[in-house]
Amino acid sequence: MKIIKDFVDNDSASGILLILVTVLALLLSNSAFSDIYQLKFRSSFH
């Protein structure tokens, strides 16, 4: 738990997390799971 707390307390944690999530989204959208990914996130907002 101390490792997670230290990471969250770090100022650059949000930037690192944003980069990791962006890379994950790019990998999913360009993989065999792209159909599922597109269906999941192609919802309209009302």
N, C-alpha and C. Protein backbone atom coordinates (compact mmCIF):
# COMPACT_ATOMS: atom_id res chain seq x y z
N MET A 1 0.81 -1.19 0.00
CA MET A 1 0.00 0.00 0.00
C MET A 1 0.86 1.26 0.00
N LYS A 2 2.02 1.19 0.61
CA LYS A 2 2.88 2.36 0.66
C LYS A 2 3.34 2.77 -0.73
N ILE A 3 3.57 1.79 -1.60
CA ILE A 3 4.00 2.09 -2.97
C ILE A 3 2.90 2.85 -3.70
N ILE A 4 1.66 2.41 -3.54
CA ILE A 4 0.54 3.10 -4.20
C ILE A 4 0.37 4.50 -3.64
N LYS A 5 0.45 4.65 -2.31
CA LYS A 5 0.31 5.96 -1.69
C LYS A 5 1.42 6.90 -2.15
N ASP A 6 2.65 6.40 -2.21
CA ASP A 6 3.76 7.22 -2.69
C ASP A 6 3.56 7.64 -4.14
N PHE A 7 3.03 6.73 -4.97
CA PHE A 7 2.79 7.05 -6.37
C PHE A 7 1.71 8.12 -6.50
N VAL A 8 0.62 7.98 -5.76
CA VAL A 8 -0.47 8.94 -5.83
C VAL A 8 -0.04 10.30 -5.29
N ASP A 9 0.81 10.32 -4.29
CA ASP A 9 1.29 11.58 -3.73
C ASP A 9 2.29 12.28 -4.65
N ASN A 10 2.83 11.55 -5.61
CA ASN A 10 3.80 12.11 -6.54
C ASN A 10 3.09 13.06 -7.51
N ASP A 11 3.70 14.20 -7.80
CA ASP A 11 3.09 15.20 -8.68
C ASP A 11 2.95 14.70 -10.11
N SER A 12 3.82 13.85 -10.56
CA SER A 12 3.77 13.39 -11.95
C SER A 12 2.89 12.16 -12.14
N ALA A 13 2.24 11.70 -11.08
CA ALA A 13 1.43 10.48 -11.16
C ALA A 13 0.29 10.63 -12.15
N SER A 14 -0.36 11.77 -12.18
CA SER A 14 -1.49 11.95 -13.09
C SER A 14 -1.04 11.92 -14.54
N GLY A 15 0.11 12.49 -14.84
CA GLY A 15 0.64 12.46 -16.20
C GLY A 15 1.02 11.06 -16.64
N ILE A 16 1.65 10.33 -15.75
CA ILE A 16 2.04 8.95 -16.05
C ILE A 16 0.81 8.09 -16.27
N LEU A 17 -0.20 8.26 -15.43
CA LEU A 17 -1.43 7.50 -15.57
C LEU A 17 -2.14 7.84 -16.87
N LEU A 18 -2.17 9.10 -17.24
CA LEU A 18 -2.79 9.52 -18.49
C LEU A 18 -2.09 8.90 -19.70
N ILE A 19 -0.78 8.87 -19.69
CA ILE A 19 -0.02 8.28 -20.79
C ILE A 19 -0.29 6.77 -20.88
N LEU A 20 -0.30 6.09 -19.74
CA LEU A 20 -0.55 4.64 -19.73
C LEU A 20 -1.94 4.31 -20.25
N VAL A 21 -2.95 5.06 -19.84
CA VAL A 21 -4.31 4.81 -20.29
C VAL A 21 -4.45 5.11 -21.77
N THR A 22 -3.77 6.15 -22.25
CA THR A 22 -3.80 6.48 -23.68
C THR A 22 -3.18 5.37 -24.51
N VAL A 23 -2.04 4.85 -24.07
CA VAL A 23 -1.39 3.75 -24.78
C VAL A 23 -2.28 2.51 -24.77
N LEU A 24 -2.90 2.23 -23.64
CA LEU A 24 -3.81 1.08 -23.57
C LEU A 24 -4.99 1.25 -24.53
N ALA A 25 -5.56 2.44 -24.60
CA ALA A 25 -6.68 2.68 -25.53
C ALA A 25 -6.23 2.53 -26.97
N LEU A 26 -5.05 3.00 -27.31
CA LEU A 26 -4.54 2.85 -28.68
C LEU A 26 -4.31 1.39 -29.02
N LEU A 27 -3.75 0.64 -28.08
CA LEU A 27 -3.52 -0.78 -28.32
C LEU A 27 -4.83 -1.54 -28.50
N LEU A 28 -5.82 -1.24 -27.67
CA LEU A 28 -7.10 -1.93 -27.79
C LEU A 28 -7.82 -1.57 -29.08
N SER A 29 -7.76 -0.31 -29.48
CA SER A 29 -8.48 0.10 -30.68
C SER A 29 -7.83 -0.41 -31.96
N ASN A 30 -6.59 -0.85 -31.88
CA ASN A 30 -5.89 -1.36 -33.06
C ASN A 30 -5.58 -2.85 -32.94
N SER A 31 -6.31 -3.55 -32.10
CA SER A 31 -6.08 -4.98 -31.91
C SER A 31 -7.28 -5.78 -32.38
N ALA A 32 -7.26 -7.05 -32.06
CA ALA A 32 -8.38 -7.92 -32.40
C ALA A 32 -9.64 -7.55 -31.62
N PHE A 33 -9.48 -6.78 -30.55
CA PHE A 33 -10.61 -6.35 -29.74
C PHE A 33 -11.21 -5.03 -30.21
N SER A 34 -10.82 -4.57 -31.39
CA SER A 34 -11.26 -3.25 -31.85
C SER A 34 -12.77 -3.17 -32.03
N ASP A 35 -13.40 -4.25 -32.48
CA ASP A 35 -14.86 -4.22 -32.64
C ASP A 35 -15.56 -4.02 -31.30
N ILE A 36 -15.12 -4.75 -30.30
CA ILE A 36 -15.70 -4.61 -28.96
C ILE A 36 -15.42 -3.21 -28.42
N TYR A 37 -14.20 -2.74 -28.61
CA TYR A 37 -13.81 -1.42 -28.13
C TYR A 37 -14.67 -0.34 -28.77
N GLN A 38 -14.87 -0.42 -30.07
CA GLN A 38 -15.67 0.58 -30.78
C GLN A 38 -17.13 0.54 -30.33
N LEU A 39 -17.69 -0.65 -30.14
CA LEU A 39 -19.07 -0.75 -29.68
C LEU A 39 -19.24 -0.19 -28.27
N LYS A 40 -18.27 -0.44 -27.43
CA LYS A 40 -18.34 0.00 -26.04
C LYS A 40 -18.31 1.52 -25.93
N PHE A 41 -17.47 2.17 -26.72
CA PHE A 41 -17.27 3.61 -26.57
C PHE A 41 -17.97 4.43 -27.64
N ARG A 42 -18.78 3.80 -28.46
CA ARG A 42 -19.51 4.54 -29.48
C ARG A 42 -20.94 4.83 -29.01
N SER A 43 -21.10 5.15 -27.79
CA SER A 43 -22.43 5.45 -27.26
C SER A 43 -22.69 6.95 -27.38
N SER A 44 -23.94 7.29 -27.56
CA SER A 44 -24.29 8.70 -27.68
C SER A 44 -24.71 9.24 -26.32
N PHE A 45 -24.47 10.50 -26.13
CA PHE A 45 -24.84 11.16 -24.88
C PHE A 45 -26.13 11.93 -25.11
N HIS A 46 -27.08 11.73 -24.24
CA HIS A 46 -28.38 12.41 -24.38
C HIS A 46 -28.56 13.36 -23.23
